[in-house]
Amino acid sequence: MTAKNRRGGFTLVEILLALAILSVVLVLLLSSFTGAGRGLEVLTERSGSFRQLRITMDRMGTDLEGAFSSTGAEATALTCSQDQFSGKPASTLIFTAYSLPDISGARPPSDLVKIKYFPKISEDGRFLELHREQSDLPLIENGIPTGESRLASRLQGFRVELYDGTAWLKDWPPPGKSKWTLPGKVTLVLTDFLGQEFRRTIPLPLAGQEASGIFSGKRGTVGSGTPSTGIPPPPRPS
């Protein structure tokens, strides 16, 4: 067959070569899309984790800024202990704090609350969860149930460090100090699921005023502007 009699078109070899090139291009495009989708998932996961930790730090900081203790009233003493849950640092922090009265009607109005921050092991056993428990009217006997909520999940650790004026401690109260003594500052350390630590130091405005913490133990009156203790609550951050 001469060249003049040959019909126009592609040979089998040319078609196979074109298909091979097209397959390589499609594989590269698919890899790019898969990588971009995975990158978006990672960014979304990290963003959600960071937002969770920031909200938790803000809540704990607000509570600690209102922390107080009164000499002779053991129920108001601040305590902290550090443990290990599945090899992860796990602190438990308990303190009494001033709080704006709840006027929603769900709970009786009270300007003093007992707050407890404590970790729990997650259901899969791989991470820690940080919980917050609040008791209303803690200085008088009452049958009000405590309120518990989960603040953070998928944590690798929760530590609390307390400053006694000379050193940072993991447990409170320290030996040789009164049980009613408040630390001057508290540092919160949260470790996310990737092992990255986030720290925040909160000064306690009422540290050193334990002897002047006079209270009546009665319920505050909503709208009266008069707290049920002799010390006005510190201003809430805006």
Protein backbone atom coordinates (compact mmCIF):
# COMPACT_ATOMS: atom_id res chain seq x y z
CA MET A 1 0.00 0.00 0.00
CA THR A 2 1.42 3.38 -1.02
CA ALA A 3 1.23 6.60 0.95
CA LYS A 4 -1.34 7.95 -1.51
CA ASN A 5 -3.75 5.08 -0.74
CA ARG A 6 -3.43 5.42 3.09
CA ARG A 7 -6.48 6.94 4.84
CA GLY A 8 -6.11 9.87 7.32
CA GLY A 9 -6.21 9.04 11.09
CA PHE A 10 -4.11 7.83 14.02
CA THR A 11 -2.29 4.60 14.38
CA LEU A 12 -2.89 2.28 17.31
CA VAL A 13 0.46 3.22 18.81
CA GLU A 14 -0.42 6.94 18.71
CA ILE A 15 -3.79 6.32 20.39
CA LEU A 16 -2.22 4.23 23.17
CA LEU A 17 0.43 6.91 23.74
CA ALA A 18 -2.25 9.63 23.98
CA LEU A 19 -4.26 7.55 26.46
CA ALA A 20 -1.17 7.00 28.61
CA ILE A 21 -0.45 10.75 28.74
CA LEU A 22 -4.09 11.51 29.56
CA SER A 23 -4.04 8.94 32.39
CA VAL A 24 -0.95 10.56 33.93
CA VAL A 25 -2.57 14.00 33.77
CA LEU A 26 -5.79 12.72 35.36
CA VAL A 27 -3.85 11.02 38.18
CA LEU A 28 -1.96 14.25 38.90
CA LEU A 29 -5.19 16.27 38.94
CA LEU A 30 -6.90 13.76 41.22
CA SER A 31 -3.94 13.84 43.61
CA SER A 32 -4.08 17.63 43.70
CA PHE A 33 -7.81 17.65 44.50
CA THR A 34 -7.38 14.95 47.16
CA GLY A 35 -4.52 16.85 48.78
CA ALA A 36 -6.51 20.09 48.76
CA GLY A 37 -9.50 18.35 50.35
CA ARG A 38 -7.33 16.79 53.04
CA GLY A 39 -5.68 20.14 53.69
CA LEU A 40 -9.10 21.73 54.15
CA GLU A 41 -10.08 19.01 56.63
CA VAL A 42 -6.88 19.54 58.63
CA LEU A 43 -7.36 23.32 58.71
CA THR A 44 -11.00 22.92 59.79
CA GLU A 45 -10.01 20.48 62.53
CA ARG A 46 -7.22 22.72 63.82
CA SER A 47 -9.45 25.79 63.70
CA GLY A 48 -12.18 24.02 65.69
CA SER A 49 -9.66 22.82 68.27
CA PHE A 50 -8.15 26.30 68.67
CA ARG A 51 -11.59 27.90 69.03
CA GLN A 52 -12.55 25.32 71.68
CA LEU A 53 -9.38 25.99 73.69
CA ARG A 54 -9.79 29.77 73.45
CA ILE A 55 -13.38 29.63 74.73
CA THR A 56 -12.30 27.31 77.56
CA MET A 57 -9.45 29.61 78.57
CA ASP A 58 -11.77 32.63 78.51
CA ARG A 59 -14.34 30.89 80.72
CA MET A 60 -11.78 29.68 83.24
CA GLY A 61 -10.08 33.08 83.31
CA THR A 62 -13.37 34.85 84.05
CA ASP A 63 -14.15 32.41 86.87
CA LEU A 64 -10.69 32.71 88.42
CA GLU A 65 -10.75 36.51 88.36
CA GLY A 66 -13.69 36.30 90.77
CA ALA A 67 -12.08 33.68 93.04
CA PHE A 68 -12.10 34.52 96.76
CA SER A 69 -11.41 32.82 100.07
CA SER A 70 -12.39 33.79 103.61
CA THR A 71 -10.38 32.92 106.71
CA GLY A 72 -12.30 30.49 108.87
CA ALA A 73 -14.69 29.38 106.13
CA GLU A 74 -13.25 26.10 104.95
CA ALA A 75 -15.85 25.81 102.19
CA THR A 76 -14.27 28.80 100.43
CA ALA A 77 -10.71 27.42 100.31
CA LEU A 78 -9.07 26.96 96.90
CA THR A 79 -7.59 23.51 96.28
CA CYS A 80 -5.71 21.98 93.38
CA SER A 81 -4.24 18.52 92.86
CA GLN A 82 -2.47 16.97 89.88
CA ASP A 83 -2.91 13.37 88.82
CA GLN A 84 -2.16 11.18 85.80
CA PHE A 85 -4.92 9.74 83.61
CA SER A 86 -3.56 7.16 81.15
CA GLY A 87 -0.18 8.85 81.38
CA LYS A 88 -1.61 12.32 80.72
CA PRO A 89 -1.37 15.20 83.24
CA ALA A 90 -4.78 15.82 84.77
CA SER A 91 -5.34 18.55 87.36
CA THR A 92 -8.46 19.13 89.45
CA LEU A 93 -9.13 22.74 90.51
CA ILE A 94 -11.81 23.72 93.05
CA PHE A 95 -12.56 27.24 94.28
CA THR A 96 -15.31 29.63 95.36
CA ALA A 97 -15.95 32.70 93.22
CA TYR A 98 -18.15 35.73 92.86
CA SER A 99 -20.56 35.43 89.98
CA LEU A 100 -23.32 37.55 88.52
CA PRO A 101 -26.67 36.21 89.79
CA ASP A 102 -28.65 34.11 87.35
CA ILE A 103 -31.93 35.93 86.73
CA SER A 104 -33.23 33.46 84.17
CA GLY A 105 -35.23 31.63 86.83
CA ALA A 106 -33.56 28.28 86.18
CA ARG A 107 -31.57 28.58 89.43
CA PRO A 108 -31.99 30.70 92.58
CA PRO A 109 -30.13 34.03 92.45
CA SER A 110 -26.72 33.75 94.08
CA ASP A 111 -23.61 35.90 93.86
CA LEU A 112 -21.34 33.11 95.15
CA VAL A 113 -20.73 29.79 93.43
CA LYS A 114 -18.47 26.81 94.00
CA ILE A 115 -16.65 25.84 90.79
CA LYS A 116 -14.80 22.64 90.00
CA TYR A 117 -12.73 21.97 86.88
CA PHE A 118 -11.81 18.33 86.41
CA PRO A 119 -10.79 15.96 83.58
CA LYS A 120 -12.37 12.72 82.42
CA ILE A 121 -11.13 10.02 80.07
CA SER A 122 -12.87 10.08 76.66
CA GLU A 123 -14.99 7.12 75.61
CA ASP A 124 -12.29 5.79 73.27
CA GLY A 125 -9.69 6.12 76.05
CA ARG A 126 -7.29 8.14 73.88
CA PHE A 127 -7.91 11.68 75.11
CA LEU A 128 -9.04 13.76 78.07
CA GLU A 129 -12.20 15.82 78.38
CA LEU A 130 -12.34 18.92 80.58
CA HIS A 131 -15.55 19.39 82.58
CA ARG A 132 -16.89 22.28 84.67
CA GLU A 133 -19.16 21.76 87.69
CA GLN A 134 -20.97 24.59 89.47
CA SER A 135 -22.71 24.54 92.84
CA ASP A 136 -25.02 27.43 93.75
CA LEU A 137 -25.34 28.82 97.29
CA PRO A 138 -22.34 26.74 98.44
CA LEU A 139 -22.11 28.27 101.94
CA ILE A 140 -25.53 27.13 103.10
CA GLU A 141 -27.19 23.72 103.06
CA ASN A 142 -29.44 23.31 100.06
CA GLY A 143 -30.79 20.67 97.73
CA ILE A 144 -29.90 22.45 94.50
CA PRO A 145 -28.37 19.98 92.03
CA THR A 146 -24.95 20.83 90.66
CA GLY A 147 -24.65 21.81 87.02
CA GLU A 148 -22.01 20.04 84.94
CA SER A 149 -20.89 20.80 81.39
CA ARG A 150 -18.09 19.67 79.09
CA LEU A 151 -15.84 22.51 78.00
CA ALA A 152 -13.17 20.79 75.91
CA SER A 153 -12.48 17.41 74.37
CA ARG A 154 -9.61 15.59 72.63
CA LEU A 155 -7.01 16.92 75.05
CA GLN A 156 -3.61 15.39 75.72
CA GLY A 157 -3.34 17.11 79.09
CA PHE A 158 -4.69 19.69 81.54
CA ARG A 159 -2.31 21.25 84.07
CA VAL A 160 -2.68 24.02 86.61
CA GLU A 161 0.30 25.91 88.07
CA LEU A 162 -0.14 28.19 91.09
CA TYR A 163 2.22 30.98 92.20
CA ASP A 164 2.77 31.39 95.94
CA GLY A 165 4.94 34.51 95.63
CA THR A 166 8.25 32.69 95.21
CA ALA A 167 7.64 29.58 93.10
CA TRP A 168 5.14 27.87 90.81
CA LEU A 169 3.45 24.83 92.38
CA LYS A 170 1.31 21.99 91.05
CA ASP A 171 -0.68 21.36 94.24
CA TRP A 172 -2.50 23.78 96.56
CA PRO A 173 -2.45 24.67 99.39
CA PRO A 174 1.33 24.35 99.79
CA PRO A 175 2.92 23.05 103.01
CA GLY A 176 3.34 25.70 105.67
CA LYS A 177 0.59 27.98 104.34
CA SER A 178 -2.95 28.44 105.56
CA LYS A 179 -5.58 26.42 103.71
CA TRP A 180 -7.44 29.68 103.01
CA THR A 181 -4.51 31.34 101.24
CA LEU A 182 -5.10 32.22 97.60
CA PRO A 183 -2.28 32.03 95.04
CA GLY A 184 -1.26 35.33 93.51
CA LYS A 185 -1.52 33.95 89.98
CA VAL A 186 -2.77 30.80 88.29
CA THR A 187 -1.45 29.44 84.99
CA LEU A 188 -3.65 27.15 82.91
CA VAL A 189 -1.99 24.73 80.48
CA LEU A 190 -4.10 22.88 77.92
CA THR A 191 -2.50 20.41 75.51
CA ASP A 192 -4.41 19.75 72.29
CA PHE A 193 -4.71 16.48 70.37
CA LEU A 194 -1.47 17.20 68.48
CA GLY A 195 0.52 17.76 71.67
CA GLN A 196 0.75 21.56 71.34
CA GLU A 197 0.50 23.46 74.63
CA PHE A 198 -1.59 26.58 75.16
CA ARG A 199 -0.92 28.63 78.30
CA ARG A 200 -2.64 31.54 80.01
CA THR A 201 -1.76 33.20 83.32
CA ILE A 202 -4.58 34.77 85.35
CA PRO A 203 -3.88 37.06 88.34
CA LEU A 204 -6.27 36.69 91.30
CA PRO A 205 -7.30 40.22 92.40
CA LEU A 206 -8.51 39.09 95.85
CA ALA A 207 -5.33 37.22 96.81
CA GLY A 208 -4.08 38.55 100.14
CA GLN A 209 -7.54 39.71 101.25
CA GLU A 210 -8.63 36.43 102.82
CA ALA A 211 -8.95 37.96 106.31
CA SER A 212 -11.43 40.59 105.08
CA GLY A 213 -13.71 38.15 103.28
CA ILE A 214 -16.81 38.67 105.43
CA PHE A 215 -19.98 37.03 104.18
CA SER A 216 -23.45 36.35 105.47
CA GLY A 217 -24.14 33.09 103.70
CA LYS A 218 -27.53 34.42 102.58
CA ARG A 219 -28.89 34.64 99.10
CA GLY A 220 -28.19 37.79 97.18
CA THR A 221 -31.14 39.89 96.11
CA VAL A 222 -31.47 40.37 92.38
CA GLY A 223 -31.59 44.03 91.48
CA SER A 224 -30.60 45.26 94.92
CA GLY A 225 -26.98 45.77 93.95
CA THR A 226 -25.91 44.44 97.36
CA PRO A 227 -23.87 41.22 97.40
CA SER A 228 -24.20 38.75 100.23
CA THR A 229 -20.59 39.34 101.33
CA GLY A 230 -18.68 42.26 102.68
CA ILE A 231 -16.46 42.45 99.59
CA PRO A 232 -17.93 43.74 96.32
CA PRO A 233 -17.34 41.37 93.43
CA PRO A 234 -14.54 42.37 91.03
CA PRO A 235 -15.58 43.93 87.72
CA ARG A 236 -16.37 41.49 84.98
CA PRO A 237 -14.22 41.83 81.84
CA SER A 238 -16.04 43.38 78.92
